Protein backbone atom coordinates (compact mmCIF):
# COMPACT_ATOMS: atom_id res chain seq x y z
CA MET A 1 -96.57 55.47 162.86
CA THR A 2 -98.33 55.73 159.52
CA GLY A 3 -98.61 52.49 157.58
CA ARG A 4 -97.63 52.10 153.96
CA ARG A 5 -100.40 52.95 151.52
CA ARG A 6 -102.39 50.09 150.05
CA TRP A 7 -102.74 50.38 146.29
CA SER A 8 -105.87 49.16 144.52
CA THR A 9 -105.67 46.75 141.59
CA GLU A 10 -106.78 49.50 139.21
CA GLU A 11 -104.09 51.90 140.46
CA ILE A 12 -101.46 49.21 140.02
CA LEU A 13 -102.63 48.54 136.45
CA ASP A 14 -102.69 52.28 135.67
CA THR A 15 -99.08 52.63 136.74
CA ALA A 16 -98.03 49.44 134.93
CA ALA A 17 -99.63 50.73 131.70
CA THR A 18 -97.76 54.02 132.07
CA LEU A 19 -94.43 52.23 132.49
CA LEU A 20 -95.13 50.00 129.49
CA ARG A 21 -95.91 53.00 127.28
CA THR A 22 -92.38 54.28 127.81
CA GLY A 23 -90.64 50.90 127.84
CA ASP A 24 -91.45 47.35 126.82
CA ALA A 25 -92.38 43.99 128.28
CA GLU A 26 -88.75 42.87 128.35
CA SER A 27 -87.52 45.75 130.52
CA PHE A 28 -90.68 45.87 132.63
CA SER A 29 -90.46 44.23 136.06
CA VAL A 30 -92.55 44.00 139.20
CA ARG A 31 -89.64 45.60 141.05
CA LYS A 32 -89.72 48.67 138.79
CA LEU A 33 -93.48 48.88 139.16
CA ALA A 34 -93.20 48.70 142.95
CA ALA A 35 -90.58 51.46 142.92
CA ALA A 36 -92.85 53.68 140.82
CA LEU A 37 -95.63 53.14 143.34
CA GLY A 38 -93.36 53.71 146.31
CA THR A 39 -93.90 50.25 147.74
CA ASP A 40 -92.21 46.85 147.72
CA SER A 41 -92.76 43.95 145.34
CA SER A 42 -94.32 41.72 147.97
CA SER A 43 -97.30 44.06 148.29
CA LEU A 44 -98.02 43.70 144.55
CA TYR A 45 -97.96 39.92 144.69
CA ARG A 46 -101.10 40.12 146.79
CA HIS A 47 -102.85 41.28 143.60
CA PHE A 48 -100.93 39.34 140.93
CA ARG A 49 -99.04 36.08 141.32
CA ASN A 50 -96.29 37.00 138.84
CA LYS A 51 -95.22 39.36 136.07
CA THR A 52 -97.01 37.42 133.34
CA GLU A 53 -100.34 37.58 135.15
CA LEU A 54 -99.88 41.32 135.62
CA LEU A 55 -99.05 41.89 131.94
CA ARG A 56 -102.08 39.89 130.87
CA ALA A 57 -104.27 42.07 133.06
CA VAL A 58 -102.83 45.24 131.49
CA ALA A 59 -103.47 43.88 127.98
CA ASP A 60 -107.00 42.93 128.95
CA ARG A 61 -107.77 46.55 129.84
CA ILE A 62 -107.03 47.51 126.23
CA LEU A 63 -109.44 44.85 125.03
CA LEU A 64 -112.07 46.16 127.45
CA ALA A 65 -111.57 49.67 126.13
CA ALA A 66 -111.90 48.41 122.55
CA MET A 67 -115.18 46.68 123.37
CA ASP A 68 -116.63 49.63 125.29
CA GLY A 69 -119.72 50.80 123.45
CA TYR A 70 -119.39 48.14 120.76
CA ARG A 71 -122.64 47.01 119.15
CA PRO A 72 -122.61 44.29 116.47
CA GLU A 73 -123.94 45.55 113.15
CA GLY A 74 -124.14 44.06 109.66
CA ASP A 75 -123.39 40.55 108.52
CA TRP A 76 -120.74 38.30 110.04
CA LYS A 77 -117.92 39.68 107.89
CA GLN A 78 -118.81 43.27 108.74
CA ARG A 79 -118.90 42.40 112.44
CA ILE A 80 -115.46 40.81 112.37
CA ALA A 81 -114.00 43.64 110.29
CA ALA A 82 -115.45 46.26 112.65
CA LEU A 83 -114.08 44.44 115.67
CA ALA A 84 -110.66 44.13 114.05
CA VAL A 85 -110.55 47.87 113.38
CA ARG A 86 -111.50 48.61 116.99
CA LEU A 87 -108.68 46.39 118.27
CA ARG A 88 -106.19 47.95 115.88
CA GLU A 89 -107.17 51.47 116.93
CA ALA A 90 -107.14 50.64 120.64
CA PHE A 91 -103.64 49.21 120.54
CA GLY A 92 -102.55 51.91 118.11
CA GLU A 93 -103.08 54.45 120.90
CA GLN A 94 -100.89 52.37 123.22
CA PRO A 95 -98.57 50.47 120.84
CA GLN A 96 -96.19 49.26 123.53
CA LEU A 97 -99.03 47.19 124.95
CA ALA A 98 -99.79 45.48 121.63
CA THR A 99 -96.71 43.29 121.93
CA VAL A 100 -97.83 42.34 125.43
CA TRP A 101 -101.15 41.11 124.04
CA GLY A 102 -99.46 39.33 121.15
CA ARG A 103 -97.06 37.55 123.46
CA TYR A 104 -99.04 36.89 126.62
CA GLY A 105 -102.65 37.00 125.50
CA SER A 106 -105.32 37.70 128.08
CA GLY A 107 -107.82 35.70 130.07
CA GLY A 108 -109.88 38.53 131.50
CA THR A 109 -113.28 40.00 130.73
CA GLY A 110 -111.99 41.96 127.74
CA SER A 111 -110.62 38.78 126.19
CA ARG A 112 -113.89 36.96 126.77
CA LEU A 113 -115.86 39.78 125.13
CA VAL A 114 -113.65 39.64 122.03
CA MET A 115 -113.88 35.84 121.91
CA GLU A 116 -117.65 35.90 122.32
CA GLU A 117 -118.18 38.37 119.48
CA LEU A 118 -115.85 36.56 117.08
CA LEU A 119 -117.42 33.19 117.83
CA GLN A 120 -120.94 34.54 117.52
CA ALA A 121 -120.14 36.23 114.20
CA LEU A 122 -118.59 33.05 112.81
CA ARG A 123 -121.52 30.99 114.01
CA THR A 124 -123.96 33.22 112.12
CA SER A 125 -121.86 32.85 108.96
CA GLY A 126 -123.27 29.41 108.25
CA LEU A 127 -120.06 27.54 109.06
CA PRO A 128 -120.63 24.13 110.63
CA ASP A 129 -120.07 24.32 114.39
CA GLU A 130 -117.08 22.00 114.16
CA GLU A 131 -115.31 24.51 111.87
CA VAL A 132 -115.91 27.59 114.04
CA PRO A 133 -113.15 27.12 116.68
CA ALA A 134 -110.42 26.57 114.09
CA ARG A 135 -111.47 29.61 112.04
CA TYR A 136 -111.68 31.70 115.21
CA HIS A 137 -108.13 30.68 116.10
CA ARG A 138 -106.81 31.67 112.66
CA ILE A 139 -108.43 35.10 112.88
CA VAL A 140 -107.05 35.80 116.35
CA ILE A 141 -103.53 34.73 115.32
CA LEU A 142 -103.76 36.95 112.25
CA LEU A 143 -105.01 40.00 114.18
CA ALA A 144 -102.45 39.61 116.96
CA ALA A 145 -99.61 39.28 114.44
CA LEU A 146 -100.69 42.26 112.32
CA ILE A 147 -101.43 44.55 115.26
CA SER A 148 -98.23 43.64 117.14
CA SER A 149 -96.11 44.09 114.03
CA GLU A 150 -97.62 47.48 113.24
CA ALA A 151 -97.27 48.61 116.83
CA GLY A 152 -93.62 47.63 116.87
CA ILE A 153 -92.89 49.88 113.90
CA SER A 154 -94.84 52.81 115.36
CA THR A 155 -92.73 52.85 118.53
CA ILE A 156 -89.35 53.43 116.90
CA SER A 157 -87.85 56.91 116.94
CA PRO A 158 -87.62 59.10 113.79
CA GLU A 159 -83.85 58.53 113.79
CA GLU A 160 -84.29 54.75 113.94
CA TYR A 161 -86.92 54.91 111.20
CA GLU A 162 -84.66 56.92 108.87
CA GLN A 163 -81.77 54.57 109.55
CA GLY A 164 -83.97 51.62 108.69
CA MET A 165 -85.15 53.30 105.49
CA GLU A 166 -81.57 53.94 104.44
CA GLN A 167 -80.69 50.30 105.05
CA PHE A 168 -83.77 49.27 103.05
CA ARG A 169 -82.76 51.45 100.10
CA VAL A 170 -79.22 50.09 100.13
CA ALA A 171 -80.41 46.49 100.41
CA VAL A 172 -83.02 46.79 97.66
CA LEU A 173 -81.68 49.30 95.16
CA GLY A 174 -78.14 48.01 95.53
CA ALA A 175 -79.01 44.35 95.03
CA ASP A 176 -76.76 42.45 92.65
CA PRO A 177 -79.01 41.56 89.66
CA GLU A 178 -77.08 38.34 88.99
CA ARG A 179 -77.54 37.01 92.51
CA PHE A 180 -80.94 38.60 93.20
CA PRO A 181 -82.59 38.94 89.76
CA ALA A 182 -86.19 39.20 91.02
CA LEU A 183 -85.27 41.73 93.69
CA ALA A 184 -83.38 43.85 91.17
CA HIS A 185 -86.32 43.66 88.75
CA PHE A 186 -88.89 44.87 91.31
CA ALA A 187 -86.55 47.07 93.37
CA ARG A 188 -88.20 50.41 92.59
CA ASP A 189 -91.69 49.08 93.35
CA VAL A 190 -91.03 47.08 96.52
CA ARG A 191 -92.37 48.95 99.56
CA PRO A 192 -90.71 49.03 102.97
CA LEU A 193 -92.33 47.15 105.83
CA GLY A 194 -93.88 50.25 107.39
CA ALA A 195 -95.64 51.51 104.25
CA ASP A 196 -99.43 51.38 103.81
CA ARG A 197 -99.98 49.34 106.96
CA GLY A 198 -103.65 50.27 107.18
CA ALA A 199 -104.41 49.18 103.63
CA ALA A 200 -102.40 45.98 104.09
CA PHE A 201 -104.27 45.21 107.32
CA GLU A 202 -107.65 45.53 105.61
CA GLU A 203 -106.59 43.57 102.52
CA ILE A 204 -105.14 40.65 104.50
CA LEU A 205 -108.18 40.48 106.78
CA THR A 206 -110.55 40.63 103.79
CA ALA A 207 -108.67 37.74 102.16
CA GLN A 208 -108.97 35.67 105.33
CA LEU A 209 -112.71 36.32 105.57
CA ALA A 210 -113.13 35.44 101.91
CA HIS A 211 -111.33 32.16 102.58
CA ILE A 212 -113.73 31.40 105.42
CA GLU A 213 -116.71 32.30 103.25
CA ALA A 214 -115.55 29.77 100.66
CA LEU A 215 -115.81 27.05 103.32
CA ILE A 216 -119.47 27.74 104.06
CA PRO A 217 -121.70 24.98 102.67
């Protein structure tokens, strides 16, 4: 009698990533993953203790891919900006996984590579060592929030996007000027959440780096 196939950790993560590209972390389950692999959940728990550990491992593969071939160049601000762009592009190709990273984080090699580069860049900035961890934390929170938010918008269907745009136009252009005077005043210039995300990403990151630079003795 032929035994059930043993799946490698990499094969399990490949299948999990595929499921997450077409769904989300909420609907994802170890049971669904086991069904896709043609096995039972107990066999997967030999590789991962629970769903959260599995999701963190999937997110870490995106970080590893982002760091593949990376070489630090330029000053500390250029290094952080380049790394941020790589992370944004990596998760942009697999937007469903960006929310996984934003929610669960990662403790694998990819995460350590990102942490190491950010900390090294900040350390070369001239910041006192005692300031580096706090500034690192702010940058990571900012990147995770921006990338997860952008990814969430990119995963909606054209129909959902158009429905949202219609609701935006009604909410903004139809605002009562007596109750919402500022909104009515700027209505024709206010942009919807999904507009110019790339430019907004760069501008917000640049402002954060400028804030850090102002703290350097």
